[in-house]
PDB file of N, CA and C in Angstrom:
ATOM      1  N   MET A   1     -48.279 -25.164 -84.544  1.00  0.00           N
ATOM      2  CA  MET A   1     -48.723 -24.591 -85.805  1.00  0.00           C
ATOM      3  C   MET A   1     -48.724 -23.065 -85.679  1.00  0.00           C
ATOM      4  N   PHE A   2     -48.133 -22.418 -86.633  1.00  0.00           N
ATOM      5  CA  PHE A   2     -48.046 -20.969 -86.596  1.00  0.00           C
ATOM      6  C   PHE A   2     -49.376 -20.331 -86.991  1.00  0.00           C
ATOM      7  N   THR A   3     -49.703 -19.233 -86.322  1.00  0.00           N
ATOM      8  CA  THR A   3     -50.871 -18.441 -86.686  1.00  0.00           C
ATOM      9  C   THR A   3     -50.459 -17.462 -87.777  1.00  0.00           C
ATOM     10  N   GLU A   4     -51.422 -16.748 -88.336  1.00  0.00           N
ATOM     11  CA  GLU A   4     -51.093 -15.737 -89.340  1.00  0.00           C
ATOM     12  C   GLU A   4     -50.146 -14.693 -88.748  1.00  0.00           C
ATOM     13  N   PHE A   5     -50.443 -14.259 -87.529  1.00  0.00           N
ATOM     14  CA  PHE A   5     -49.579 -13.287 -86.867  1.00  0.00           C
ATOM     15  C   PHE A   5     -48.223 -13.915 -86.570  1.00  0.00           C
ATOM     16  N   GLY A   6     -48.230 -15.160 -86.150  1.00  0.00           N
ATOM     17  CA  GLY A   6     -46.989 -15.863 -85.858  1.00  0.00           C
ATOM     18  C   GLY A   6     -46.102 -15.989 -87.081  1.00  0.00           C
ATOM     19  N   LYS A   7     -46.705 -16.303 -88.229  1.00  0.00           N
ATOM     20  CA  LYS A   7     -45.930 -16.402 -89.475  1.00  0.00           C
ATOM     21  C   LYS A   7     -45.319 -15.053 -89.839  1.00  0.00           C
ATOM     22  N   LEU A   8     -46.130 -14.003 -89.718  1.00  0.00           N
ATOM     23  CA  LEU A   8     -45.648 -12.666 -90.044  1.00  0.00           C
ATOM     24  C   LEU A   8     -44.515 -12.255 -89.100  1.00  0.00           C
ATOM     25  N   LEU A   9     -44.691 -12.540 -87.821  1.00  0.00           N
ATOM     26  CA  LEU A   9     -43.691 -12.195 -86.812  1.00  0.00           C
ATOM     27  C   LEU A   9     -42.387 -12.963 -87.051  1.00  0.00           C
ATOM     28  N   ARG A  10     -42.506 -14.242 -87.303  1.00  0.00           N
ATOM     29  CA  ARG A  10     -41.321 -15.078 -87.538  1.00  0.00           C
ATOM     30  C   ARG A  10     -40.577 -14.632 -88.794  1.00  0.00           C
ATOM     31  N   LYS A  11     -41.328 -14.333 -89.852  1.00  0.00           N
ATOM     32  CA  LYS A  11     -40.706 -13.865 -91.090  1.00  0.00           C
ATOM     33  C   LYS A  11     -39.972 -12.545 -90.844  1.00  0.00           C
ATOM     34  N   ALA A  12     -40.601 -11.639 -90.129  1.00  0.00           N
ATOM     35  CA  ALA A  12     -39.967 -10.345 -89.830  1.00  0.00           C
ATOM     36  C   ALA A  12     -38.695 -10.554 -89.020  1.00  0.00           C
ATOM     37  N   ARG A  13     -38.738 -11.463 -88.071  1.00  0.00           N
ATOM     38  CA  ARG A  13     -37.557 -11.766 -87.252  1.00  0.00           C
ATOM     39  C   ARG A  13     -36.410 -12.257 -88.116  1.00  0.00           C
ATOM     40  N   ILE A  14     -36.727 -13.213 -88.972  1.00  0.00           N
ATOM     41  CA  ILE A  14     -35.710 -13.809 -89.843  1.00  0.00           C
ATOM     42  C   ILE A  14     -35.180 -12.766 -90.832  1.00  0.00           C
ATOM     43  N   ASP A  15     -36.101 -11.993 -91.425  1.00  0.00           N
ATOM     44  CA  ASP A  15     -35.687 -10.962 -92.380  1.00  0.00           C
ATOM     45  C   ASP A  15     -34.761  -9.930 -91.742  1.00  0.00           C
ATOM     46  N   HIS A  16     -34.961  -9.666 -90.454  1.00  0.00           N
ATOM     47  CA  HIS A  16     -34.121  -8.702 -89.738  1.00  0.00           C
ATOM     48  C   HIS A  16     -32.919  -9.365 -89.054  1.00  0.00           C
ATOM     49  N   GLY A  17     -32.758 -10.675 -89.271  1.00  0.00           N
ATOM     50  CA  GLY A  17     -31.623 -11.399 -88.698  1.00  0.00           C
ATOM     51  C   GLY A  17     -31.654 -11.491 -87.186  1.00  0.00           C
ATOM     52  N   LEU A  18     -32.868 -11.589 -86.629  1.00  0.00           N
ATOM     53  CA  LEU A  18     -33.021 -11.619 -85.172  1.00  0.00           C
ATOM     54  C   LEU A  18     -33.346 -13.022 -84.665  1.00  0.00           C
ATOM     55  N   LEU A  19     -32.786 -13.360 -83.537  1.00  0.00           N
ATOM     56  CA  LEU A  19     -33.179 -14.570 -82.836  1.00  0.00           C
ATOM     57  C   LEU A  19     -34.422 -14.267 -82.015  1.00  0.00           C
ATOM     58  N   LEU A  20     -35.161 -15.303 -81.690  1.00  0.00           N
ATOM     59  CA  LEU A  20     -36.368 -15.136 -80.880  1.00  0.00           C
ATOM     60  C   LEU A  20     -36.054 -14.383 -79.592  1.00  0.00           C
ATOM     61  N   LYS A  21     -34.980 -14.768 -78.920  1.00  0.00           N
ATOM     62  CA  LYS A  21     -34.643 -14.135 -77.647  1.00  0.00           C
ATOM     63  C   LYS A  21     -34.311 -12.656 -77.814  1.00  0.00           C
ATOM     64  N   ASP A  22     -33.689 -12.299 -78.944  1.00  0.00           N
ATOM     65  CA  ASP A  22     -33.342 -10.905 -79.199  1.00  0.00           C
ATOM     66  C   ASP A  22     -34.599 -10.053 -79.411  1.00  0.00           C
ATOM     67  N   MET A  23     -35.518 -10.568 -80.205  1.00  0.00           N
ATOM     68  CA  MET A  23     -36.744  -9.818 -80.445  1.00  0.00           C
ATOM     69  C   MET A  23     -37.565  -9.729 -79.166  1.00  0.00           C
ATOM     70  N   ALA A  24     -37.646 -10.820 -78.427  1.00  0.00           N
ATOM     71  CA  ALA A  24     -38.395 -10.817 -77.172  1.00  0.00           C
ATOM     72  C   ALA A  24     -37.838  -9.750 -76.232  1.00  0.00           C
ATOM     73  N   GLU A  25     -36.528  -9.705 -76.127  1.00  0.00           N
ATOM     74  CA  GLU A  25     -35.888  -8.711 -75.265  1.00  0.00           C
ATOM     75  C   GLU A  25     -36.220  -7.300 -75.740  1.00  0.00           C
ATOM     76  N   GLY A  26     -36.164  -7.087 -77.041  1.00  0.00           N
ATOM     77  CA  GLY A  26     -36.475  -5.777 -77.609  1.00  0.00           C
ATOM     78  C   GLY A  26     -37.922  -5.362 -77.397  1.00  0.00           C
ATOM     79  N   LEU A  27     -38.806  -6.333 -77.306  1.00  0.00           N
ATOM     80  CA  LEU A  27     -40.226  -6.058 -77.081  1.00  0.00           C
ATOM     81  C   LEU A  27     -40.583  -6.000 -75.597  1.00  0.00           C
ATOM     82  N   GLY A  28     -39.648  -6.415 -74.758  1.00  0.00           N
ATOM     83  CA  GLY A  28     -39.916  -6.423 -73.317  1.00  0.00           C
ATOM     84  C   GLY A  28     -40.787  -7.579 -72.871  1.00  0.00           C
ATOM     85  N   VAL A  29     -40.691  -8.706 -73.581  1.00  0.00           N
ATOM     86  CA  VAL A  29     -41.444  -9.911 -73.208  1.00  0.00           C
ATOM     87  C   VAL A  29     -40.464 -11.076 -73.125  1.00  0.00           C
ATOM     88  N   SER A  30     -40.919 -12.174 -72.578  1.00  0.00           N
ATOM     89  CA  SER A  30     -40.051 -13.345 -72.487  1.00  0.00           C
ATOM     90  C   SER A  30     -40.021 -14.100 -73.819  1.00  0.00           C
ATOM     91  N   SER A  31     -38.961 -14.860 -74.025  1.00  0.00           N
ATOM     92  CA  SER A  31     -38.861 -15.701 -75.225  1.00  0.00           C
ATOM     93  C   SER A  31     -39.992 -16.716 -75.261  1.00  0.00           C
ATOM     94  N   ALA A  32     -40.324 -17.260 -74.097  1.00  0.00           N
ATOM     95  CA  ALA A  32     -41.402 -18.249 -74.028  1.00  0.00           C
ATOM     96  C   ALA A  32     -42.731 -17.634 -74.465  1.00  0.00           C
ATOM     97  N   TYR A  33     -42.992 -16.414 -74.021  1.00  0.00           N
ATOM     98  CA  TYR A  33     -44.235 -15.739 -74.393  1.00  0.00           C
ATOM     99  C   TYR A  33     -44.270 -15.479 -75.895  1.00  0.00           C
ATOM    100  N   LEU A  34     -43.186 -14.955 -76.443  1.00  0.00           N
ATOM    101  CA  LEU A  34     -43.144 -14.647 -77.869  1.00  0.00           C
ATOM    102  C   LEU A  34     -43.304 -15.915 -78.702  1.00  0.00           C
ATOM    103  N   SER A  35     -42.676 -16.990 -78.276  1.00  0.00           N
ATOM    104  CA  SER A  35     -42.816 -18.270 -78.960  1.00  0.00           C
ATOM    105  C   SER A  35     -44.270 -18.749 -78.903  1.00  0.00           C
ATOM    106  N   ALA A  36     -44.908 -18.585 -77.745  1.00  0.00           N
ATOM    107  CA  ALA A  36     -46.304 -19.001 -77.588  1.00  0.00           C
ATOM    108  C   ALA A  36     -47.233 -18.162 -78.458  1.00  0.00           C
ATOM    109  N   VAL A  37     -46.914 -16.890 -78.651  1.00  0.00           N
ATOM    110  CA  VAL A  37     -47.707 -16.038 -79.543  1.00  0.00           C
ATOM    111  C   VAL A  37     -47.542 -16.528 -80.983  1.00  0.00           C
ATOM    112  N   GLU A  38     -46.313 -16.802 -81.376  1.00  0.00           N
ATOM    113  CA  GLU A  38     -46.058 -17.271 -82.746  1.00  0.00           C
ATOM    114  C   GLU A  38     -46.824 -18.554 -83.049  1.00  0.00           C
ATOM    115  N   THR A  39     -46.885 -19.446 -82.097  1.00  0.00           N
ATOM    116  CA  THR A  39     -47.523 -20.747 -82.337  1.00  0.00           C
ATOM    117  C   THR A  39     -49.012 -20.771 -81.991  1.00  0.00           C
ATOM    118  N   GLY A  40     -49.550 -19.628 -81.565  1.00  0.00           N
ATOM    119  CA  GLY A  40     -50.977 -19.549 -81.287  1.00  0.00           C
ATOM    120  C   GLY A  40     -51.390 -20.039 -79.917  1.00  0.00           C
ATOM    121  N   LYS A  41     -50.432 -20.308 -79.049  1.00  0.00           N
ATOM    122  CA  LYS A  41     -50.763 -20.761 -77.696  1.00  0.00           C
ATOM    123  C   LYS A  41     -51.148 -19.591 -76.799  1.00  0.00           C
ATOM    124  N   LYS A  42     -50.739 -18.388 -77.187  1.00  0.00           N
ATOM    125  CA  LYS A  42     -51.124 -17.156 -76.495  1.00  0.00           C
ATOM    126  C   LYS A  42     -51.752 -16.232 -77.524  1.00  0.00           C
ATOM    127  N   THR A  43     -52.760 -15.482 -77.087  1.00  0.00           N
ATOM    128  CA  THR A  43     -53.402 -14.556 -78.012  1.00  0.00           C
ATOM    129  C   THR A  43     -52.583 -13.274 -78.150  1.00  0.00           C
ATOM    130  N   VAL A  44     -52.826 -12.598 -79.236  1.00  0.00           N
ATOM    131  CA  VAL A  44     -52.112 -11.372 -79.548  1.00  0.00           C
ATOM    132  C   VAL A  44     -52.863 -10.199 -78.937  1.00  0.00           C
ATOM    133  N   SER A  45     -52.175  -9.413 -78.125  1.00  0.00           N
ATOM    134  CA  SER A  45     -52.802  -8.233 -77.546  1.00  0.00           C
ATOM    135  C   SER A  45     -52.567  -7.028 -78.442  1.00  0.00           C
ATOM    136  N   ASP A  46     -53.422  -6.023 -78.301  1.00  0.00           N
ATOM    137  CA  ASP A  46     -53.241  -4.787 -79.059  1.00  0.00           C
ATOM    138  C   ASP A  46     -51.912  -4.130 -78.689  1.00  0.00           C
ATOM    139  N   GLU A  47     -51.529  -4.249 -77.426  1.00  0.00           N
ATOM    140  CA  GLU A  47     -50.256  -3.682 -76.982  1.00  0.00           C
ATOM    141  C   GLU A  47     -49.086  -4.354 -77.703  1.00  0.00           C
ATOM    142  N   LEU A  48     -49.144  -5.677 -77.854  1.00  0.00           N
ATOM    143  CA  LEU A  48     -48.066  -6.379 -78.543  1.00  0.00           C
ATOM    144  C   LEU A  48     -48.004  -5.965 -80.014  1.00  0.00           C
ATOM    145  N   ILE A  49     -49.163  -5.776 -80.635  1.00  0.00           N
ATOM    146  CA  ILE A  49     -49.187  -5.320 -82.027  1.00  0.00           C
ATOM    147  C   ILE A  49     -48.447  -3.993 -82.142  1.00  0.00           C
ATOM    148  N   ARG A  50     -48.759  -3.055 -81.246  1.00  0.00           N
ATOM    149  CA  ARG A  50     -48.090  -1.741 -81.265  1.00  0.00           C
ATOM    150  C   ARG A  50     -46.591  -1.881 -81.019  1.00  0.00           C
ATOM    151  N   LYS A  51     -46.215  -2.723 -80.062  1.00  0.00           N
ATOM    152  CA  LYS A  51     -44.794  -2.919 -79.753  1.00  0.00           C
ATOM    153  C   LYS A  51     -44.036  -3.512 -80.939  1.00  0.00           C
ATOM    154  N   VAL A  52     -44.625  -4.519 -81.571  1.00  0.00           N
ATOM    155  CA  VAL A  52     -43.986  -5.167 -82.722  1.00  0.00           C
ATOM    156  C   VAL A  52     -43.802  -4.154 -83.846  1.00  0.00           C
ATOM    157  N   ALA A  53     -44.857  -3.403 -84.139  1.00  0.00           N
ATOM    158  CA  ALA A  53     -44.772  -2.410 -85.211  1.00  0.00           C
ATOM    159  C   ALA A  53     -43.689  -1.378 -84.906  1.00  0.00           C
ATOM    160  N   ALA A  54     -43.674  -0.867 -83.691  1.00  0.00           N
ATOM    161  CA  ALA A  54     -42.665   0.135 -83.319  1.00  0.00           C
ATOM    162  C   ALA A  54     -41.263  -0.462 -83.393  1.00  0.00           C
ATOM    163  N   TYR A  55     -41.114  -1.679 -82.908  1.00  0.00           N
ATOM    164  CA  TYR A  55     -39.812  -2.347 -82.921  1.00  0.00           C
ATOM    165  C   TYR A  55     -39.281  -2.523 -84.346  1.00  0.00           C
ATOM    166  N   LEU A  56     -40.206  -2.805 -85.268  1.00  0.00           N
ATOM    167  CA  LEU A  56     -39.825  -3.017 -86.665  1.00  0.00           C
ATOM    168  C   LEU A  56     -39.801  -1.705 -87.462  1.00  0.00           C
ATOM    169  N   GLY A  57     -40.136  -0.599 -86.800  1.00  0.00           N
ATOM    170  CA  GLY A  57     -40.119   0.698 -87.473  1.00  0.00           C
ATOM    171  C   GLY A  57     -41.295   0.919 -88.407  1.00  0.00           C
ATOM    172  N   ILE A  58     -42.416   0.283 -88.101  1.00  0.00           N
ATOM    173  CA  ILE A  58     -43.612   0.401 -88.934  1.00  0.00           C
ATOM    174  C   ILE A  58     -44.541   1.432 -88.303  1.00  0.00           C
ATOM    175  N   LEU A  59     -44.904   2.424 -89.065  1.00  0.00           N
ATOM    176  CA  LEU A  59     -45.747   3.506 -88.565  1.00  0.00           C
ATOM    177  C   LEU A  59     -47.221   3.150 -88.647  1.00  0.00           C
ATOM    178  N   PRO A  60     -48.016   3.641 -87.677  1.00  0.00           N
ATOM    179  CA  PRO A  60     -49.477   3.430 -87.740  1.00  0.00           C
ATOM    180  C   PRO A  60     -50.053   4.031 -89.021  1.00  0.00           C
ATOM    181  N   ASN A  61     -51.194   3.527 -89.419  1.00  0.00           N
ATOM    182  CA  ASN A  61     -51.917   4.007 -90.600  1.00  0.00           C
ATOM    183  C   ASN A  61     -51.130   3.827 -91.905  1.00  0.00           C
ATOM    184  N   THR A  62     -50.326   2.778 -91.959  1.00  0.00           N
ATOM    185  CA  THR A  62     -49.620   2.427 -93.186  1.00  0.00           C
ATOM    186  C   THR A  62     -50.083   1.031 -93.613  1.00  0.00           C
ATOM    187  N   PRO A  63     -49.898   0.690 -94.867  1.00  0.00           N
ATOM    188  CA  PRO A  63     -50.284  -0.662 -95.292  1.00  0.00           C
ATOM    189  C   PRO A  63     -49.578  -1.755 -94.484  1.00  0.00           C
ATOM    190  N   GLU A  64     -48.328  -1.539 -94.117  1.00  0.00           N
ATOM    191  CA  GLU A  64     -47.586  -2.534 -93.333  1.00  0.00           C
ATOM    192  C   GLU A  64     -48.200  -2.718 -91.942  1.00  0.00           C
ATOM    193  N   TYR A  65     -48.625  -1.620 -91.340  1.00  0.00           N
ATOM    194  CA  TYR A  65     -49.251  -1.691 -90.013  1.00  0.00           C
ATOM    195  C   TYR A  65     -50.593  -2.418 -90.113  1.00  0.00           C
ATOM    196  N   ARG A  66     -51.362  -2.094 -91.153  1.00  0.00           N
ATOM    197  CA  ARG A  66     -52.646  -2.778 -91.342  1.00  0.00           C
ATOM    198  C   ARG A  66     -52.440  -4.275 -91.570  1.00  0.00           C
ATOM    199  N   GLU A  67     -51.355  -4.643 -92.241  1.00  0.00           N
ATOM    200  CA  GLU A  67     -51.043  -6.059 -92.452  1.00  0.00           C
ATOM    201  C   GLU A  67     -50.824  -6.763 -91.108  1.00  0.00           C
ATOM    202  N   ILE A  68     -50.115  -6.103 -90.200  1.00  0.00           N
ATOM    203  CA  ILE A  68     -49.888  -6.665 -88.862  1.00  0.00           C
ATOM    204  C   ILE A  68     -51.216  -6.787 -88.114  1.00  0.00           C
ATOM    205  N   GLU A  69     -52.034  -5.732 -88.154  1.00  0.00           N
ATOM    206  CA  GLU A  69     -53.339  -5.769 -87.480  1.00  0.00           C
ATOM    207  C   GLU A  69     -54.233  -6.862 -88.055  1.00  0.00           C
ATOM    208  N   ASP A  70     -54.254  -6.980 -89.376  1.00  0.00           N
ATOM    209  CA  ASP A  70     -55.086  -8.005 -90.019  1.00  0.00           C
ATOM    210  C   ASP A  70     -54.639  -9.407 -89.613  1.00  0.00           C
ATOM    211  N   ALA A  71     -53.332  -9.645 -89.622  1.00  0.00           N
ATOM    212  CA  ALA A  71     -52.806 -10.957 -89.229  1.00  0.00           C
ATOM    213  C   ALA A  71     -53.172 -11.268 -87.781  1.00  0.00           C
ATOM    214  N   ALA A  72     -53.113 -10.257 -86.924  1.00  0.00           N
ATOM    215  CA  ALA A  72     -53.466 -10.458 -85.508  1.00  0.00           C
ATOM    216  C   ALA A  72     -54.946 -10.792 -85.362  1.00  0.00           C
ATOM    217  N   GLN A  73     -55.805 -10.071 -86.080  1.00  0.00           N
ATOM    218  CA  GLN A  73     -57.238 -10.354 -85.977  1.00  0.00           C
ATOM    219  C   GLN A  73     -57.567 -11.744 -86.493  1.00  0.00           C
ATOM    220  N   ILE A  74     -56.950 -12.136 -87.592  1.00  0.00           N
ATOM    221  CA  ILE A  74     -57.183 -13.480 -88.118  1.00  0.00           C
ATOM    222  C   ILE A  74     -56.718 -14.522 -87.104  1.00  0.00           C
ATOM    223  N   SER A  75     -55.579 -14.273 -86.473  1.00  0.00           N
ATOM    224  CA  SER A  75     -55.047 -15.207 -85.478  1.00  0.00           C
ATOM    225  C   SER A  75     -55.956 -15.320 -84.263  1.00  0.00           C
ATOM    226  N   LYS A  76     -56.615 -14.230 -83.922  1.00  0.00           N
ATOM    227  CA  LYS A  76     -57.545 -14.241 -82.785  1.00  0.00           C
ATOM    228  C   LYS A  76     -58.832 -14.980 -83.130  1.00  0.00           C
ATOM    229  N   GLY A  77     -59.098 -15.119 -84.440  1.00  0.00           N
ATOM    230  CA  GLY A  77     -60.320 -15.795 -84.858  1.00  0.00           C
ATOM    231  C   GLY A  77     -61.538 -14.906 -84.748  1.00  0.00           C
ATOM    232  N   GLN A  78     -61.322 -13.619 -84.591  1.00  0.00           N
ATOM    233  CA  GLN A  78     -62.432 -12.690 -84.452  1.00  0.00           C
ATOM    234  C   GLN A  78     -62.034 -11.378 -85.127  1.00  0.00           C
ATOM    235  N   ILE A  79     -62.896 -10.904 -85.988  1.00  0.00           N
ATOM    236  CA  ILE A  79     -62.625  -9.668 -86.700  1.00  0.00           C
ATOM    237  C   ILE A  79     -63.687  -8.656 -86.297  1.00  0.00           C
ATOM    238  N   SER A  80     -63.238  -7.494 -85.864  1.00  0.00           N
ATOM    239  CA  SER A  80     -64.181  -6.464 -85.444  1.00  0.00           C
ATOM    240  C   SER A  80     -64.312  -5.393 -86.516  1.00  0.00           C
ATOM    241  N   LEU A  81     -65.427  -4.731 -86.501  1.00  0.00           N
ATOM    242  CA  LEU A  81     -65.713  -3.690 -87.476  1.00  0.00           C
ATOM    243  C   LEU A  81     -66.333  -2.516 -86.735  1.00  0.00           C
ATOM    244  N   GLU A  82     -65.701  -1.378 -86.813  1.00  0.00           N
ATOM    245  CA  GLU A  82     -66.205  -0.172 -86.164  1.00  0.00           C
ATOM    246  C   GLU A  82     -67.271   0.452 -87.056  1.00  0.00           C
ATOM    247  N   VAL A  83     -68.498   0.583 -86.544  1.00  0.00           N
ATOM    248  CA  VAL A  83     -69.575   1.190 -87.317  1.00  0.00           C
ATOM    249  C   VAL A  83     -70.072   2.487 -86.700  1.00  0.00           C
ATOM    250  N   ARG A  84     -69.560   2.811 -85.531  1.00  0.00           N
ATOM    251  CA  ARG A  84     -69.964   4.057 -84.875  1.00  0.00           C
ATOM    252  C   ARG A  84     -69.617   5.230 -85.793  1.00  0.00           C
ATOM    253  N   GLY A  85     -70.581   6.118 -85.975  1.00  0.00           N
ATOM    254  CA  GLY A  85     -70.356   7.289 -86.817  1.00  0.00           C
ATOM    255  C   GLY A  85     -70.670   7.057 -88.282  1.00  0.00           C
ATOM    256  N   LEU A  86     -70.915   5.807 -88.655  1.00  0.00           N
ATOM    257  CA  LEU A  86     -71.276   5.524 -90.044  1.00  0.00           C
ATOM    258  C   LEU A  86     -72.790   5.640 -90.204  1.00  0.00           C
ATOM    259  N   SER A  87     -73.231   5.741 -91.440  1.00  0.00           N
ATOM    260  CA  SER A  87     -74.661   5.888 -91.719  1.00  0.00           C
ATOM    261  C   SER A  87     -75.432   4.632 -91.308  1.00  0.00           C
ATOM    262  N   GLN A  88     -76.728   4.813 -91.181  1.00  0.00           N
ATOM    263  CA  GLN A  88     -77.611   3.684 -90.878  1.00  0.00           C
ATOM    264  C   GLN A  88     -77.473   2.612 -91.949  1.00  0.00           C
ATOM    265  N   ARG A  89     -77.320   3.030 -93.195  1.00  0.00           N
ATOM    266  CA  ARG A  89     -77.183   2.097 -94.318  1.00  0.00           C
ATOM    267  C   ARG A  89     -75.893   1.273 -94.179  1.00  0.00           C
ATOM    268  N   HIS A  90     -74.809   1.926 -93.786  1.00  0.00           N
ATOM    269  CA  HIS A  90     -73.549   1.211 -93.553  1.00  0.00           C
ATOM    270  C   HIS A  90     -73.728   0.174 -92.440  1.00  0.00           C
ATOM    271  N   GLN A  91     -74.372   0.581 -91.381  1.00  0.00           N
ATOM    272  CA  GLN A  91     -74.550  -0.316 -90.237  1.00  0.00           C
ATOM    273  C   GLN A  91     -75.422  -1.510 -90.595  1.00  0.00           C
ATOM    274  N   GLU A  92     -76.503  -1.283 -91.323  1.00  0.00           N
ATOM    275  CA  GLU A  92     -77.382  -2.375 -91.751  1.00  0.00           C
ATOM    276  C   GLU A  92     -76.642  -3.339 -92.682  1.00  0.00           C
ATOM    277  N   THR A  93     -75.825  -2.789 -93.569  1.00  0.00           N
ATOM    278  CA  THR A  93     -75.068  -3.617 -94.505  1.00  0.00           C
ATOM    279  C   THR A  93     -74.053  -4.486 -93.758  1.00  0.00           C
ATOM    280  N   ALA A  94     -73.359  -3.893 -92.794  1.00  0.00           N
ATOM    281  CA  ALA A  94     -72.381  -4.651 -92.006  1.00  0.00           C
ATOM    282  C   ALA A  94     -73.063  -5.771 -91.235  1.00  0.00           C
ATOM    283  N   LEU A  95     -74.194  -5.491 -90.658  1.00  0.00           N
ATOM    284  CA  LEU A  95     -74.921  -6.506 -89.895  1.00  0.00           C
ATOM    285  C   LEU A  95     -75.422  -7.628 -90.797  1.00  0.00           C
ATOM    286  N   ALA A  96     -75.971  -7.278 -91.953  1.00  0.00           N
ATOM    287  CA  ALA A  96     -76.450  -8.296 -92.895  1.00  0.00           C
ATOM    288  C   ALA A  96     -75.294  -9.171 -93.369  1.00  0.00           C
ATOM    289  N   PHE A  97     -74.150  -8.542 -93.635  1.00  0.00           N
ATOM    290  CA  PHE A  97     -72.969  -9.295 -94.060  1.00  0.00           C
ATOM    291  C   PHE A  97     -72.541 -10.259 -92.966  1.00  0.00           C
ATOM    292  N   ALA A  98     -72.477  -9.774 -91.728  1.00  0.00           N
ATOM    293  CA  ALA A  98     -72.053 -10.618 -90.610  1.00  0.00           C
ATOM    294  C   ALA A  98     -72.976 -11.824 -90.438  1.00  0.00           C
ATOM    295  N   ARG A  99     -74.256 -11.606 -90.619  1.00  0.00           N
ATOM    296  CA  ARG A  99     -75.220 -12.711 -90.464  1.00  0.00           C
ATOM    297  C   ARG A  99     -75.057 -13.764 -91.557  1.00  0.00           C
ATOM    298  N   GLN A 100     -74.733 -13.351 -92.765  1.00  0.00           N
ATOM    299  CA  GLN A 100     -74.658 -14.265 -93.897  1.00  0.00           C
ATOM    300  C   GLN A 100     -73.266 -14.825 -94.147  1.00  0.00           C
ATOM    301  N   PHE A 101     -72.264 -14.251 -93.527  1.00  0.00           N
ATOM    302  CA  PHE A 101     -70.877 -14.572 -93.842  1.00  0.00           C
ATOM    303  C   PHE A 101     -70.564 -16.066 -93.787  1.00  0.00           C
ATOM    304  N   GLY A 102     -70.969 -16.727 -92.725  1.00  0.00           N
ATOM    305  CA  GLY A 102     -70.664 -18.143 -92.555  1.00  0.00           C
ATOM    306  C   GLY A 102     -71.344 -19.050 -93.569  1.00  0.00           C
ATOM    307  N   GLU A 103     -72.387 -18.552 -94.208  1.00  0.00           N
ATOM    308  CA  GLU A 103     -73.151 -19.345 -95.163  1.00  0.00           C
ATOM    309  C   GLU A 103     -72.721 -19.123 -96.609  1.00  0.00           C
ATOM    310  N   MET A 104     -71.831 -18.157 -96.821  1.00  0.00           N
ATOM    311  CA  MET A 104     -71.440 -17.805 -98.191  1.00  0.00           C
ATOM    312  C   MET A 104     -70.605 -18.919 -98.824  1.00  0.00           C
ATOM    313  N   GLN A 105     -70.861 -19.147-100.106  1.00  0.00           N
ATOM    314  CA  GLN A 105     -70.142 -20.160-100.861  1.00  0.00           C
ATOM    315  C   GLN A 105     -68.817 -19.582-101.371  1.00  0.00           C
ATOM    316  N   PRO A 106     -67.840 -20.437-101.651  1.00  0.00           N
ATOM    317  CA  PRO A 106     -66.539 -19.952-102.105  1.00  0.00           C
ATOM    318  C   PRO A 106     -66.605 -19.012-103.308  1.00  0.00           C
ATOM    319  N   ASN A 107     -67.461 -19.306-104.278  1.00  0.00           N
ATOM    320  CA  ASN A 107     -67.562 -18.437-105.461  1.00  0.00           C
ATOM    321  C   ASN A 107     -68.124 -17.064-105.087  1.00  0.00           C
ATOM    322  N   GLU A 108     -69.043 -17.023-104.128  1.00  0.00           N
ATOM    323  CA  GLU A 108     -69.579 -15.739-103.666  1.00  0.00           C
ATOM    324  C   GLU A 108     -68.493 -14.937-102.949  1.00  0.00           C
ATOM    325  N   LEU A 109     -67.707 -15.620-102.137  1.00  0.00           N
ATOM    326  CA  LEU A 109     -66.605 -14.954-101.430  1.00  0.00           C
ATOM    327  C   LEU A 109     -65.580 -14.416-102.422  1.00  0.00           C
ATOM    328  N   ASP A 110     -65.277 -15.201-103.455  1.00  0.00           N
ATOM    329  CA  ASP A 110     -64.318 -14.760-104.470  1.00  0.00           C
ATOM    330  C   ASP A 110     -64.806 -13.502-105.179  1.00  0.00           C
ATOM    331  N   ARG A 111     -66.091 -13.476-105.553  1.00  0.00           N
ATOM    332  CA  ARG A 111     -66.643 -12.297-106.243  1.00  0.00           C
ATOM    333  C   ARG A 111     -66.638 -11.078-105.325  1.00  0.00           C
ATOM    334  N   LEU A 112     -67.015 -11.272-104.090  1.00  0.00           N
ATOM    335  CA  LEU A 112     -67.050 -10.164-103.139  1.00  0.00           C
ATOM    336  C   LEU A 112     -65.643  -9.630-102.868  1.00  0.00           C
ATOM    337  N   LEU A 113     -64.703 -10.518-102.683  1.00  0.00           N
ATOM    338  CA  LEU A 113     -63.318 -10.108-102.439  1.00  0.00           C
ATOM    339  C   LEU A 113     -62.759  -9.343-103.633  1.00  0.00           C
ATOM    340  N   ALA A 114     -63.045  -9.807-104.836  1.00  0.00           N
ATOM    341  CA  ALA A 114     -62.584  -9.107-106.045  1.00  0.00           C
ATOM    342  C   ALA A 114     -63.190  -7.701-106.112  1.00  0.00           C
ATOM    343  N   LEU A 115     -64.443  -7.574-105.767  1.00  0.00           N
ATOM    344  CA  LEU A 115     -65.104  -6.271-105.758  1.00  0.00           C
ATOM    345  C   LEU A 115     -64.472  -5.343-104.723  1.00  0.00           C
ATOM    346  N   LEU A 116     -64.212  -5.866-103.552  1.00  0.00           N
ATOM    347  CA  LEU A 116     -63.668  -5.031-102.471  1.00  0.00           C
ATOM    348  C   LEU A 116     -62.212  -4.675-102.683  1.00  0.00           C
ATOM    349  N   GLN A 117     -61.479  -5.500-103.394  1.00  0.00           N
ATOM    350  CA  GLN A 117     -60.047  -5.224-103.619  1.00  0.00           C
ATOM    351  C   GLN A 117     -59.794  -4.433-104.896  1.00  0.00           C
ATOM    352  N   LYS A 118     -60.860  -4.204-105.671  1.00  0.00           N
ATOM    353  CA  LYS A 118     -60.722  -3.455-106.913  1.00  0.00           C
ATOM    354  C   LYS A 118     -60.315  -2.017-106.588  1.00  0.00           C
ATOM    355  N   PRO A 119     -59.269  -1.513-107.234  1.00  0.00           N
ATOM    356  CA  PRO A 119     -58.827  -0.148-106.957  1.00  0.00           C
ATOM    357  C   PRO A 119     -59.923   0.876-107.268  1.00  0.00           C
ATOM    358  N   LYS A 120     -60.010   1.879-106.415  1.00  0.00           N
ATOM    359  CA  LYS A 120     -60.994   2.949-106.645  1.00  0.00           C
ATOM    360  C   LYS A 120     -60.465   3.865-107.738  1.00  0.00           C
ATOM    361  N   LYS A 121     -61.386   4.380-108.526  1.00  0.00           N
ATOM    362  CA  LYS A 121     -60.998   5.279-109.632  1.00  0.00           C
ATOM    363  C   LYS A 121     -61.130   6.715-109.213  1.00  0.00           C
TER     364      LYS A 121
END
């Protein structure tokens, strides 16, 4: 079963007309390793994320790069949030959200997601 990162990686490979072995060679990893990453048998390292982005010509701090990072975090099953340097209020809000996240109902998640994805004016 493909992970979110695996799906993104496989789609990018196909879109660029690359075979698994070709992309693996370009990334400096084995075909077996790359296949295991795609199927979720191996976890995605930060180094691999950087290598994949560079190989595909995706620059850091772009929406495409964030898409790769997001897919990798989802595939890892763990999402981190940097709060260092943020206000006490930001930190308290992040902690409260983390504590309640697993208990949130689908309609609450939908409303929150809509609020967070709403374009800023």
